[in-house]
Amino acid sequence: MEKEFWLQRWQEQQIGFHEGRFNNSLLKHWPTLNARAGDTVFVPLCGKSLDMVFLAEQNLQVIGVELSQIAVEEFFQEQGLEPHIEQVGALQKYQAANYTLYCGDLFALDSEQLGACRWVYDRASMIALPLEMRRQYCAFLANTLPRPCQSLLITLEYDQSLKSGPPFSISPAMLDGLILASAQIEPLGQAPEEVKGIVALEHSFLLRFK
């Protein structure tokens, strides 16, 4: 989607995609992945997700990137934190406690900012992007993340003809076509989830970047 679409959604507080709670699949699968205290996890298109709070509570360092300044500022306000703010290239960097959030275009991040990452948590990025941007996003991850690096990826699958995205429907077969060349894909499970009044499947995957 165009940047203006998401900025307008935050401006008008049309943020039905914001769960307002910890994601159930995150709660189920993260404890099985053996992340170590002090590891750094990257949360792309993070919004003001409370999942970042869960990750920080696991003694992880959280790096997020979000287009909307409203979302970034609301996250720190709601957590009762006063971030240090500085300009880093085309991005604004907000930092407090275990959180470093970059405000701006995801693709403006580089390997220097993500060099410490050992994990990615993606509940909102893959399903938010139309196909061409999704391909660009997968290439960005493959080319920018350090190695070793793993990702907990959560996608939705439903009949796309019934509703337009976002969120976009991504089946396991579609994911294979997008990322199999750059990551090993391990299915972790699936669970029913309602999307815009339609019952969908929420798939969870562990990606191991090659």
C-alpha atoms as a PDB file:
ATOM      1  CA  MET A   1       0.000   0.000   0.000  1.00  0.00           C
ATOM      2  CA  GLU A   2       1.091   3.590  -0.490  1.00  0.00           C
ATOM      3  CA  LYS A   3       2.615   5.323   2.530  1.00  0.00           C
ATOM      4  CA  GLU A   4      -0.232   7.822   2.615  1.00  0.00           C
ATOM      5  CA  PHE A   5      -2.735   4.988   3.181  1.00  0.00           C
ATOM      6  CA  TRP A   6      -1.113   3.949   6.465  1.00  0.00           C
ATOM      7  CA  LEU A   7      -0.400   7.488   7.613  1.00  0.00           C
ATOM      8  CA  GLN A   8      -4.052   8.377   7.091  1.00  0.00           C
ATOM      9  CA  ARG A   9      -5.193   5.283   8.980  1.00  0.00           C
ATOM     10  CA  TRP A  10      -3.173   6.360  12.012  1.00  0.00           C
ATOM     11  CA  GLN A  11      -4.224   9.995  11.641  1.00  0.00           C
ATOM     12  CA  GLU A  12      -7.891   8.972  11.650  1.00  0.00           C
ATOM     13  CA  GLN A  13      -7.309   6.242  14.265  1.00  0.00           C
ATOM     14  CA  GLN A  14      -8.664   3.592  11.897  1.00  0.00           C
ATOM     15  CA  ILE A  15      -6.382   0.983  13.417  1.00  0.00           C
ATOM     16  CA  GLY A  16      -8.406  -2.214  13.581  1.00  0.00           C
ATOM     17  CA  PHE A  17      -5.153  -4.040  12.819  1.00  0.00           C
ATOM     18  CA  HIS A  18      -3.842  -3.019  16.274  1.00  0.00           C
ATOM     19  CA  GLU A  19      -4.643  -5.995  18.523  1.00  0.00           C
ATOM     20  CA  GLY A  20      -4.395  -4.225  21.869  1.00  0.00           C
ATOM     21  CA  ARG A  21      -3.201  -7.482  23.475  1.00  0.00           C
ATOM     22  CA  PHE A  22      -0.432 -10.021  23.138  1.00  0.00           C
ATOM     23  CA  ASN A  23      -0.877 -12.154  20.026  1.00  0.00           C
ATOM     24  CA  ASN A  24      -1.957 -15.696  20.903  1.00  0.00           C
ATOM     25  CA  SER A  25       0.426 -17.332  18.432  1.00  0.00           C
ATOM     26  CA  LEU A  26       3.308 -15.305  19.834  1.00  0.00           C
ATOM     27  CA  LEU A  27       2.455 -16.481  23.355  1.00  0.00           C
ATOM     28  CA  LYS A  28       2.242 -20.091  22.179  1.00  0.00           C
ATOM     29  CA  HIS A  29       5.320 -20.341  19.995  1.00  0.00           C
ATOM     30  CA  TRP A  30       7.907 -17.853  21.253  1.00  0.00           C
ATOM     31  CA  PRO A  31       8.782 -19.844  24.416  1.00  0.00           C
ATOM     32  CA  THR A  32       9.671 -22.844  22.211  1.00  0.00           C
ATOM     33  CA  LEU A  33      12.240 -20.946  20.110  1.00  0.00           C
ATOM     34  CA  ASN A  34      14.984 -20.751  22.733  1.00  0.00           C
ATOM     35  CA  ALA A  35      15.834 -17.079  22.343  1.00  0.00           C
ATOM     36  CA  ARG A  36      18.434 -16.039  24.880  1.00  0.00           C
ATOM     37  CA  ALA A  37      18.177 -13.124  27.291  1.00  0.00           C
ATOM     38  CA  GLY A  38      19.889 -10.134  25.737  1.00  0.00           C
ATOM     39  CA  ASP A  39      19.188 -11.186  22.145  1.00  0.00           C
ATOM     40  CA  THR A  40      17.904  -8.508  19.775  1.00  0.00           C
ATOM     41  CA  VAL A  41      14.616  -8.958  17.915  1.00  0.00           C
ATOM     42  CA  PHE A  42      13.506  -6.870  14.934  1.00  0.00           C
ATOM     43  CA  VAL A  43       9.798  -6.000  14.638  1.00  0.00           C
ATOM     44  CA  PRO A  44       9.064  -4.521  11.189  1.00  0.00           C
ATOM     45  CA  LEU A  45       6.017  -2.270  10.713  1.00  0.00           C
ATOM     46  CA  CYS A  46       5.625  -2.412  14.487  1.00  0.00           C
ATOM     47  CA  GLY A  47       2.929   0.226  15.010  1.00  0.00           C
ATOM     48  CA  LYS A  48       2.431   0.479  18.760  1.00  0.00           C
ATOM     49  CA  SER A  49       2.066  -3.278  19.157  1.00  0.00           C
ATOM     50  CA  LEU A  50       1.945  -4.664  22.680  1.00  0.00           C
ATOM     51  CA  ASP A  51       3.821  -7.684  21.331  1.00  0.00           C
ATOM     52  CA  MET A  52       6.931  -5.536  21.698  1.00  0.00           C
ATOM     53  CA  VAL A  53       6.210  -5.318  25.422  1.00  0.00           C
ATOM     54  CA  PHE A  54       5.967  -9.103  25.639  1.00  0.00           C
ATOM     55  CA  LEU A  55       9.316  -9.438  23.873  1.00  0.00           C
ATOM     56  CA  ALA A  56      10.955  -6.879  26.140  1.00  0.00           C
ATOM     57  CA  GLU A  57       9.581  -8.772  29.140  1.00  0.00           C
ATOM     58  CA  GLN A  58      11.576 -11.779  27.895  1.00  0.00           C
ATOM     59  CA  ASN A  59      14.721  -9.668  28.456  1.00  0.00           C
ATOM     60  CA  LEU A  60      15.151  -9.060  24.740  1.00  0.00           C
ATOM     61  CA  GLN A  61      16.272  -5.867  23.048  1.00  0.00           C
ATOM     62  CA  VAL A  62      13.557  -4.722  20.633  1.00  0.00           C
ATOM     63  CA  ILE A  63      14.251  -2.859  17.384  1.00  0.00           C
ATOM     64  CA  GLY A  64      11.159  -1.709  15.517  1.00  0.00           C
ATOM     65  CA  VAL A  65      10.439   0.379  12.468  1.00  0.00           C
ATOM     66  CA  GLU A  66       7.184   2.212  11.835  1.00  0.00           C
ATOM     67  CA  LEU A  67       6.091   4.725   9.226  1.00  0.00           C
ATOM     68  CA  SER A  68       3.726   6.681  11.484  1.00  0.00           C
ATOM     69  CA  GLN A  69       5.137   9.111  14.024  1.00  0.00           C
ATOM     70  CA  ILE A  70       1.757   8.994  15.785  1.00  0.00           C
ATOM     71  CA  ALA A  71       2.139   5.254  16.396  1.00  0.00           C
ATOM     72  CA  VAL A  72       5.712   5.555  17.668  1.00  0.00           C
ATOM     73  CA  GLU A  73       4.935   8.404  20.042  1.00  0.00           C
ATOM     74  CA  GLU A  74       1.781   6.707  21.338  1.00  0.00           C
ATOM     75  CA  PHE A  75       3.751   3.540  22.072  1.00  0.00           C
ATOM     76  CA  PHE A  76       6.211   5.331  24.334  1.00  0.00           C
ATOM     77  CA  GLN A  77       3.464   7.405  25.959  1.00  0.00           C
ATOM     78  CA  GLU A  78       1.390   4.317  26.723  1.00  0.00           C
ATOM     79  CA  GLN A  79       4.421   2.571  28.218  1.00  0.00           C
ATOM     80  CA  GLY A  80       5.215   5.601  30.370  1.00  0.00           C
ATOM     81  CA  LEU A  81       8.601   6.108  28.741  1.00  0.00           C
ATOM     82  CA  GLU A  82      10.355   9.296  27.633  1.00  0.00           C
ATOM     83  CA  PRO A  83      12.507   8.330  24.629  1.00  0.00           C
ATOM     84  CA  HIS A  84      15.731   9.920  23.508  1.00  0.00           C
ATOM     85  CA  ILE A  85      15.183  11.087  19.906  1.00  0.00           C
ATOM     86  CA  GLU A  86      17.821  11.628  17.234  1.00  0.00           C
ATOM     87  CA  GLN A  87      17.980  11.777  13.453  1.00  0.00           C
ATOM     88  CA  VAL A  88      19.723   8.835  11.799  1.00  0.00           C
ATOM     89  CA  GLY A  89      19.870   9.386   8.060  1.00  0.00           C
ATOM     90  CA  ALA A  90      16.306   9.468   6.754  1.00  0.00           C
ATOM     91  CA  LEU A  91      14.932   7.972   9.986  1.00  0.00           C
ATOM     92  CA  GLN A  92      14.108   9.317  13.417  1.00  0.00           C
ATOM     93  CA  LYS A  93      15.414   7.056  16.169  1.00  0.00           C
ATOM     94  CA  TYR A  94      13.456   6.808  19.445  1.00  0.00           C
ATOM     95  CA  GLN A  95      15.181   4.970  22.274  1.00  0.00           C
ATOM     96  CA  ALA A  96      14.156   4.133  25.843  1.00  0.00           C
ATOM     97  CA  ALA A  97      14.549   1.060  28.067  1.00  0.00           C
ATOM     98  CA  ASN A  98      14.695  -2.068  25.863  1.00  0.00           C
ATOM     99  CA  TYR A  99      13.159  -0.329  22.851  1.00  0.00           C
ATOM    100  CA  THR A 100      14.738   1.286  19.792  1.00  0.00           C
ATOM    101  CA  LEU A 101      12.070   2.355  17.298  1.00  0.00           C
ATOM    102  CA  TYR A 102      12.890   3.948  13.958  1.00  0.00           C
ATOM    103  CA  CYS A 103      10.250   6.210  12.458  1.00  0.00           C
ATOM    104  CA  GLY A 104      10.214   6.245   8.678  1.00  0.00           C
ATOM    105  CA  ASP A 105      10.440   3.969   5.673  1.00  0.00           C
ATOM    106  CA  LEU A 106      11.290   0.340   6.459  1.00  0.00           C
ATOM    107  CA  PHE A 107      13.572   0.193   3.420  1.00  0.00           C
ATOM    108  CA  ALA A 108      15.694   3.049   4.770  1.00  0.00           C
ATOM    109  CA  LEU A 109      17.094   0.690   7.411  1.00  0.00           C
ATOM    110  CA  ASP A 110      20.447  -0.884   6.655  1.00  0.00           C
ATOM    111  CA  SER A 111      22.686  -3.648   7.962  1.00  0.00           C
ATOM    112  CA  GLU A 112      24.302  -1.276  10.455  1.00  0.00           C
ATOM    113  CA  GLN A 113      21.011  -0.672  12.294  1.00  0.00           C
ATOM    114  CA  LEU A 114      20.075  -4.384  12.157  1.00  0.00           C
ATOM    115  CA  GLY A 115      23.522  -5.867  12.702  1.00  0.00           C
ATOM    116  CA  ALA A 116      22.758  -7.041  16.260  1.00  0.00           C
ATOM    117  CA  CYS A 117      19.500  -8.818  15.352  1.00  0.00           C
ATOM    118  CA  ARG A 118      19.237 -12.529  15.934  1.00  0.00           C
ATOM    119  CA  TRP A 119      15.466 -12.670  15.590  1.00  0.00           C
ATOM    120  CA  VAL A 120      12.607 -11.158  13.597  1.00  0.00           C
ATOM    121  CA  TYR A 121       8.998 -11.106  14.771  1.00  0.00           C
ATOM    122  CA  ASP A 122       6.616 -10.462  11.898  1.00  0.00           C
ATOM    123  CA  ARG A 123       2.888 -10.430  12.545  1.00  0.00           C
ATOM    124  CA  ALA A 124       2.075  -7.271  10.599  1.00  0.00           C
ATOM    125  CA  SER A 125       4.491  -6.830   7.696  1.00  0.00           C
ATOM    126  CA  MET A 126       4.158  -9.726   5.277  1.00  0.00           C
ATOM    127  CA  ILE A 127       0.354  -9.605   5.347  1.00  0.00           C
ATOM    128  CA  ALA A 128       0.233  -5.804   5.083  1.00  0.00           C
ATOM    129  CA  LEU A 129       2.061  -5.536   1.768  1.00  0.00           C
ATOM    130  CA  PRO A 130       0.728  -6.121  -1.760  1.00  0.00           C
ATOM    131  CA  LEU A 131       2.625  -8.636  -3.850  1.00  0.00           C
ATOM    132  CA  GLU A 132       5.320  -6.452  -5.438  1.00  0.00           C
ATOM    133  CA  MET A 133       6.150  -4.751  -2.130  1.00  0.00           C
ATOM    134  CA  ARG A 134       6.069  -8.168  -0.438  1.00  0.00           C
ATOM    135  CA  ARG A 135       8.751  -9.379  -2.839  1.00  0.00           C
ATOM    136  CA  GLN A 136      10.789  -6.250  -2.126  1.00  0.00           C
ATOM    137  CA  TYR A 137      10.364  -6.843   1.600  1.00  0.00           C
ATOM    138  CA  CYS A 138      11.543 -10.464   1.366  1.00  0.00           C
ATOM    139  CA  ALA A 139      14.595  -9.377  -0.628  1.00  0.00           C
ATOM    140  CA  PHE A 140      15.293  -6.682   1.965  1.00  0.00           C
ATOM    141  CA  LEU A 141      15.275  -9.239   4.786  1.00  0.00           C
ATOM    142  CA  ALA A 142      17.500 -11.642   2.865  1.00  0.00           C
ATOM    143  CA  ASN A 143      20.033  -8.952   2.006  1.00  0.00           C
ATOM    144  CA  THR A 144      20.042  -6.899   5.222  1.00  0.00           C
ATOM    145  CA  LEU A 145      19.705  -9.267   8.175  1.00  0.00           C
ATOM    146  CA  PRO A 146      22.864 -10.676   9.756  1.00  0.00           C
ATOM    147  CA  ARG A 147      23.495 -14.405   9.976  1.00  0.00           C
ATOM    148  CA  PRO A 148      22.549 -16.386  11.958  1.00  0.00           C
ATOM    149  CA  CYS A 149      19.043 -14.965  12.169  1.00  0.00           C
ATOM    150  CA  GLN A 150      15.626 -16.556  12.625  1.00  0.00           C
ATOM    151  CA  SER A 151      12.084 -15.255  12.350  1.00  0.00           C
ATOM    152  CA  LEU A 152       8.724 -16.048  13.893  1.00  0.00           C
ATOM    153  CA  LEU A 153       6.375 -15.226  11.024  1.00  0.00           C
ATOM    154  CA  ILE A 154       2.588 -15.141  11.377  1.00  0.00           C
ATOM    155  CA  THR A 155       0.400 -15.001   8.271  1.00  0.00           C
ATOM    156  CA  LEU A 156      -3.300 -15.225   7.465  1.00  0.00           C
ATOM    157  CA  GLU A 157      -4.943 -17.398   4.829  1.00  0.00           C
ATOM    158  CA  TYR A 158      -8.484 -16.818   3.600  1.00  0.00           C
ATOM    159  CA  ASP A 159     -10.460 -16.463   0.383  1.00  0.00           C
ATOM    160  CA  GLN A 160      -9.043 -13.191  -0.971  1.00  0.00           C
ATOM    161  CA  SER A 161     -11.962 -12.885  -3.397  1.00  0.00           C
ATOM    162  CA  LEU A 162     -14.290 -12.248  -0.463  1.00  0.00           C
ATOM    163  CA  LYS A 163     -12.387  -9.251   0.909  1.00  0.00           C
ATOM    164  CA  SER A 164      -9.653  -7.006  -0.368  1.00  0.00           C
ATOM    165  CA  GLY A 165      -6.520  -6.585   1.690  1.00  0.00           C
ATOM    166  CA  PRO A 166      -4.837  -5.540   3.784  1.00  0.00           C
ATOM    167  CA  PRO A 167      -4.414  -7.889   5.498  1.00  0.00           C
ATOM    168  CA  PHE A 168      -3.568  -9.980   2.455  1.00  0.00           C
ATOM    169  CA  SER A 169      -4.038 -13.738   2.344  1.00  0.00           C
ATOM    170  CA  ILE A 170      -0.741 -15.664   2.255  1.00  0.00           C
ATOM    171  CA  SER A 171      -0.876 -19.445   2.056  1.00  0.00           C
ATOM    172  CA  PRO A 172       2.080 -21.702   2.896  1.00  0.00           C
ATOM    173  CA  ALA A 173       2.576 -22.325  -0.841  1.00  0.00           C
ATOM    174  CA  MET A 174       2.708 -18.579  -1.523  1.00  0.00           C
ATOM    175  CA  LEU A 175       5.260 -18.166   1.255  1.00  0.00           C
ATOM    176  CA  ASP A 176       7.429 -20.889  -0.286  1.00  0.00           C
ATOM    177  CA  GLY A 177       7.485 -18.951  -3.545  1.00  0.00           C
ATOM    178  CA  LEU A 178       8.470 -15.740  -1.780  1.00  0.00           C
ATOM    179  CA  ILE A 179      11.203 -16.794   0.591  1.00  0.00           C
ATOM    180  CA  LEU A 180      12.272 -20.428   0.094  1.00  0.00           C
ATOM    181  CA  ALA A 181      15.460 -19.366  -1.700  1.00  0.00           C
ATOM    182  CA  SER A 182      16.667 -17.334   1.294  1.00  0.00           C
ATOM    183  CA  ALA A 183      15.256 -19.164   4.322  1.00  0.00           C
ATOM    184  CA  GLN A 184      14.339 -22.619   5.552  1.00  0.00           C
ATOM    185  CA  ILE A 185      10.647 -22.675   6.466  1.00  0.00           C
ATOM    186  CA  GLU A 186       9.337 -24.736   9.395  1.00  0.00           C
ATOM    187  CA  PRO A 187       5.555 -24.711   9.961  1.00  0.00           C
ATOM    188  CA  LEU A 188       4.744 -24.344  13.662  1.00  0.00           C
ATOM    189  CA  GLY A 189       0.958 -24.591  13.584  1.00  0.00           C
ATOM    190  CA  GLN A 190      -2.271 -22.909  12.606  1.00  0.00           C
ATOM    191  CA  ALA A 191      -5.360 -21.612  14.353  1.00  0.00           C
ATOM    192  CA  PRO A 192      -8.686 -20.071  13.264  1.00  0.00           C
ATOM    193  CA  GLU A 193      -8.819 -16.281  13.268  1.00  0.00           C
ATOM    194  CA  GLU A 194     -11.522 -13.827  12.198  1.00  0.00           C
ATOM    195  CA  VAL A 195     -10.534 -11.323   9.505  1.00  0.00           C
ATOM    196  CA  LYS A 196     -13.069  -8.654   8.558  1.00  0.00           C
ATOM    197  CA  GLY A 197     -15.916 -10.981   9.460  1.00  0.00           C
ATOM    198  CA  ILE A 198     -14.403 -13.970   7.623  1.00  0.00           C
ATOM    199  CA  VAL A 199     -12.922 -17.018   9.306  1.00  0.00           C
ATOM    200  CA  ALA A 200      -9.273 -17.336   8.309  1.00  0.00           C
ATOM    201  CA  LEU A 201      -6.364 -19.548   9.273  1.00  0.00           C
ATOM    202  CA  GLU A 202      -3.523 -17.913  11.168  1.00  0.00           C
ATOM    203  CA  HIS A 203      -0.325 -19.754  10.216  1.00  0.00           C
ATOM    204  CA  SER A 204       2.868 -19.599  12.271  1.00  0.00           C
ATOM    205  CA  PHE A 205       6.291 -20.364  10.795  1.00  0.00           C
ATOM    206  CA  LEU A 206       9.879 -20.416  11.949  1.00  0.00           C
ATOM    207  CA  LEU A 207      12.198 -19.053   9.245  1.00  0.00           C
ATOM    208  CA  ARG A 208      15.909 -19.766   9.388  1.00  0.00           C
ATOM    209  CA  PHE A 209      17.719 -17.374   7.067  1.00  0.00           C
ATOM    210  CA  LYS A 210      20.426 -19.067   4.995  1.00  0.00           C
END
